[in-house]
Amino acid sequence: QVQLVESGGGLVQAGGSLRLSCAASGRRFSSYAMGWFRQAPGKEREFVAVITWDGVSTLYADSVKGRFTISRDNAKNAGYLQMNSLKSEDTAVYYCAASYAFSSTQKNYDYWGQGTQVIVSS
């Protein structure tokens, strides 16, 4: 089992920045790829970004490419999502998740956090 807890969400003005954190505990977090997903009000949860277990490779949704950066620190059992140039359409609950697969597909993820709310005011 891997337990994941997100933090760092909040209210920010459009154009601002936030850094989300994902704290992991339990089985070796470093064995898993880590992804971030988000769910906006009235919409389905969608892929945001993923990073390999070793941090070498990353993949981003087109909607966040160039604005968001995913990273991880396996020594701290933590992952991060740096979000810059935030837009109102980035408003959502953000979830971190762990998977053995380097994947943008939700069904490939075995472990999920409870989410952290991000609200971007325009």
C-alpha atoms as a PDB file:
ATOM      1  CA  GLN A   1       0.000   0.000   0.000  1.00  0.00           C
ATOM      2  CA  VAL A   2       1.030   3.557  -0.708  1.00  0.00           C
ATOM      3  CA  GLN A   3      -0.655   6.413   1.088  1.00  0.00           C
ATOM      4  CA  LEU A   4      -0.651   9.794  -0.644  1.00  0.00           C
ATOM      5  CA  VAL A   5      -1.515  13.167   0.839  1.00  0.00           C
ATOM      6  CA  GLU A   6      -1.676  16.331  -1.229  1.00  0.00           C
ATOM      7  CA  SER A   7      -1.145  19.833   0.074  1.00  0.00           C
ATOM      8  CA  GLY A   8      -0.487  23.321  -1.203  1.00  0.00           C
ATOM      9  CA  GLY A   9      -3.800  24.148  -2.788  1.00  0.00           C
ATOM     10  CA  GLY A  10      -5.564  27.417  -2.259  1.00  0.00           C
ATOM     11  CA  LEU A  11      -6.910  30.567  -3.816  1.00  0.00           C
ATOM     12  CA  VAL A  12      -4.710  32.454  -6.262  1.00  0.00           C
ATOM     13  CA  GLN A  13      -5.249  35.185  -8.813  1.00  0.00           C
ATOM     14  CA  ALA A  14      -4.962  34.484 -12.504  1.00  0.00           C
ATOM     15  CA  GLY A  15      -1.349  34.707 -13.577  1.00  0.00           C
ATOM     16  CA  GLY A  16      -0.119  33.583 -10.187  1.00  0.00           C
ATOM     17  CA  SER A  17       1.651  30.450  -9.055  1.00  0.00           C
ATOM     18  CA  LEU A  18       1.137  27.577  -6.661  1.00  0.00           C
ATOM     19  CA  ARG A  19       3.227  24.579  -5.751  1.00  0.00           C
ATOM     20  CA  LEU A  20       1.400  21.399  -4.868  1.00  0.00           C
ATOM     21  CA  SER A  21       3.059  18.704  -2.820  1.00  0.00           C
ATOM     22  CA  CYS A  22       2.315  15.009  -2.540  1.00  0.00           C
ATOM     23  CA  ALA A  23       3.628  13.224   0.541  1.00  0.00           C
ATOM     24  CA  ALA A  24       3.913   9.460   0.245  1.00  0.00           C
ATOM     25  CA  SER A  25       4.155   6.767   2.883  1.00  0.00           C
ATOM     26  CA  GLY A  26       3.971   3.012   2.952  1.00  0.00           C
ATOM     27  CA  ARG A  27       5.561   0.864   0.267  1.00  0.00           C
ATOM     28  CA  ARG A  28       8.494   2.199  -1.709  1.00  0.00           C
ATOM     29  CA  PHE A  29       7.253   5.332  -3.390  1.00  0.00           C
ATOM     30  CA  SER A  30      10.377   5.366  -5.530  1.00  0.00           C
ATOM     31  CA  SER A  31       9.154   2.225  -7.298  1.00  0.00           C
ATOM     32  CA  TYR A  32       6.200   4.045  -8.806  1.00  0.00           C
ATOM     33  CA  ALA A  33       5.590   6.616 -11.458  1.00  0.00           C
ATOM     34  CA  MET A  34       3.720   9.565 -10.020  1.00  0.00           C
ATOM     35  CA  GLY A  35       0.933  11.386 -11.758  1.00  0.00           C
ATOM     36  CA  TRP A  36      -1.191  14.422 -11.169  1.00  0.00           C
ATOM     37  CA  PHE A  37      -4.818  14.590 -12.226  1.00  0.00           C
ATOM     38  CA  ARG A  38      -7.507  17.191 -11.717  1.00  0.00           C
ATOM     39  CA  GLN A  39     -11.274  17.413 -11.638  1.00  0.00           C
ATOM     40  CA  ALA A  40     -13.053  20.672 -12.317  1.00  0.00           C
ATOM     41  CA  PRO A  41     -16.631  21.268 -11.151  1.00  0.00           C
ATOM     42  CA  GLY A  42     -19.052  19.376 -13.357  1.00  0.00           C
ATOM     43  CA  LYS A  43     -16.299  17.704 -15.355  1.00  0.00           C
ATOM     44  CA  GLU A  44     -14.587  14.356 -15.383  1.00  0.00           C
ATOM     45  CA  ARG A  45     -11.195  13.915 -13.804  1.00  0.00           C
ATOM     46  CA  GLU A  46      -8.402  14.482 -16.322  1.00  0.00           C
ATOM     47  CA  PHE A  47      -4.709  13.860 -16.663  1.00  0.00           C
ATOM     48  CA  VAL A  48      -2.304  16.701 -15.883  1.00  0.00           C
ATOM     49  CA  ALA A  49       1.231  15.297 -15.722  1.00  0.00           C
ATOM     50  CA  VAL A  50       3.270  12.192 -14.916  1.00  0.00           C
ATOM     51  CA  ILE A  51       6.890  11.532 -13.997  1.00  0.00           C
ATOM     52  CA  THR A  52       8.818   8.272 -14.064  1.00  0.00           C
ATOM     53  CA  TRP A  53      10.008   6.584 -10.898  1.00  0.00           C
ATOM     54  CA  ASP A  54      13.495   7.990 -11.381  1.00  0.00           C
ATOM     55  CA  GLY A  55      12.413  11.464 -12.463  1.00  0.00           C
ATOM     56  CA  VAL A  56      14.035  11.131 -15.872  1.00  0.00           C
ATOM     57  CA  SER A  57      10.953  11.380 -18.057  1.00  0.00           C
ATOM     58  CA  THR A  58       7.841  13.516 -17.846  1.00  0.00           C
ATOM     59  CA  LEU A  59       4.643  13.917 -19.804  1.00  0.00           C
ATOM     60  CA  TYR A  60       2.154  16.780 -19.719  1.00  0.00           C
ATOM     61  CA  ALA A  61      -1.345  17.449 -20.893  1.00  0.00           C
ATOM     62  CA  ASP A  62      -1.356  19.998 -23.701  1.00  0.00           C
ATOM     63  CA  SER A  63      -3.413  22.367 -21.579  1.00  0.00           C
ATOM     64  CA  VAL A  64      -0.628  22.755 -18.996  1.00  0.00           C
ATOM     65  CA  LYS A  65       2.502  22.262 -21.087  1.00  0.00           C
ATOM     66  CA  GLY A  66       4.955  25.096 -20.588  1.00  0.00           C
ATOM     67  CA  ARG A  67       3.177  26.322 -17.449  1.00  0.00           C
ATOM     68  CA  PHE A  68       3.303  23.348 -15.055  1.00  0.00           C
ATOM     69  CA  THR A  69       6.348  21.357 -13.954  1.00  0.00           C
ATOM     70  CA  ILE A  70       6.208  17.976 -12.265  1.00  0.00           C
ATOM     71  CA  SER A  71       9.078  16.789 -10.092  1.00  0.00           C
ATOM     72  CA  ARG A  72       9.845  14.383  -7.293  1.00  0.00           C
ATOM     73  CA  ASP A  73      12.303  13.802  -4.471  1.00  0.00           C
ATOM     74  CA  ASN A  74      12.478  10.099  -3.676  1.00  0.00           C
ATOM     75  CA  ALA A  75      14.711  10.730  -0.671  1.00  0.00           C
ATOM     76  CA  LYS A  76      11.828  12.676   0.851  1.00  0.00           C
ATOM     77  CA  ASN A  77       9.079  10.414  -0.508  1.00  0.00           C
ATOM     78  CA  ALA A  78       7.527  13.446  -2.106  1.00  0.00           C
ATOM     79  CA  GLY A  79       6.287  14.711  -5.408  1.00  0.00           C
ATOM     80  CA  TYR A  80       5.507  18.199  -6.585  1.00  0.00           C
ATOM     81  CA  LEU A  81       3.563  20.117  -9.172  1.00  0.00           C
ATOM     82  CA  GLN A  82       4.742  23.663  -9.786  1.00  0.00           C
ATOM     83  CA  MET A  83       1.962  25.623 -11.444  1.00  0.00           C
ATOM     84  CA  ASN A  84       2.751  28.974 -13.051  1.00  0.00           C
ATOM     85  CA  SER A  85       0.712  31.406 -15.130  1.00  0.00           C
ATOM     86  CA  LEU A  86      -2.457  29.994 -13.660  1.00  0.00           C
ATOM     87  CA  LYS A  87      -5.727  30.494 -15.481  1.00  0.00           C
ATOM     88  CA  SER A  88      -9.311  30.339 -14.271  1.00  0.00           C
ATOM     89  CA  GLU A  89      -9.726  27.085 -16.181  1.00  0.00           C
ATOM     90  CA  ASP A  90      -7.085  25.505 -13.925  1.00  0.00           C
ATOM     91  CA  THR A  91      -9.591  25.661 -11.060  1.00  0.00           C
ATOM     92  CA  ALA A  92     -10.089  22.079  -9.898  1.00  0.00           C
ATOM     93  CA  VAL A  93      -9.377  19.537  -7.226  1.00  0.00           C
ATOM     94  CA  TYR A  94      -5.893  18.183  -7.871  1.00  0.00           C
ATOM     95  CA  TYR A  95      -4.995  14.585  -7.091  1.00  0.00           C
ATOM     96  CA  CYS A  96      -1.662  12.826  -7.003  1.00  0.00           C
ATOM     97  CA  ALA A  97      -1.528   9.146  -7.815  1.00  0.00           C
ATOM     98  CA  ALA A  98       0.993   6.318  -8.073  1.00  0.00           C
ATOM     99  CA  SER A  99       1.346   3.689 -10.767  1.00  0.00           C
ATOM    100  CA  TYR A 100       3.822   1.094 -11.912  1.00  0.00           C
ATOM    101  CA  ALA A 101       3.145   2.355 -15.426  1.00  0.00           C
ATOM    102  CA  PHE A 102       4.291   5.638 -16.909  1.00  0.00           C
ATOM    103  CA  SER A 103       0.804   6.479 -18.018  1.00  0.00           C
ATOM    104  CA  SER A 104      -1.728   9.235 -18.569  1.00  0.00           C
ATOM    105  CA  THR A 105      -4.601   6.775 -18.102  1.00  0.00           C
ATOM    106  CA  GLN A 106      -6.370   6.848 -14.756  1.00  0.00           C
ATOM    107  CA  LYS A 107      -7.168   3.145 -14.686  1.00  0.00           C
ATOM    108  CA  ASN A 108      -3.450   2.374 -14.568  1.00  0.00           C
ATOM    109  CA  TYR A 109      -3.080   4.094 -11.206  1.00  0.00           C
ATOM    110  CA  ASP A 110      -3.322   1.985  -8.090  1.00  0.00           C
ATOM    111  CA  TYR A 111      -3.081   4.600  -5.362  1.00  0.00           C
ATOM    112  CA  TRP A 112      -4.716   8.010  -5.036  1.00  0.00           C
ATOM    113  CA  GLY A 113      -4.648  10.888  -2.624  1.00  0.00           C
ATOM    114  CA  GLN A 114      -7.726  12.712  -1.371  1.00  0.00           C
ATOM    115  CA  GLY A 115      -7.079  15.819  -3.417  1.00  0.00           C
ATOM    116  CA  THR A 116      -6.354  19.480  -2.789  1.00  0.00           C
ATOM    117  CA  GLN A 117      -8.499  22.340  -4.052  1.00  0.00           C
ATOM    118  CA  VAL A 118      -7.060  24.985  -6.344  1.00  0.00           C
ATOM    119  CA  ILE A 119      -9.157  28.043  -7.140  1.00  0.00           C
ATOM    120  CA  VAL A 120      -7.918  30.584  -9.658  1.00  0.00           C
ATOM    121  CA  SER A 121      -9.774  33.874  -9.598  1.00  0.00           C
ATOM    122  CA  SER A 122      -9.902  36.001 -12.731  1.00  0.00           C
END
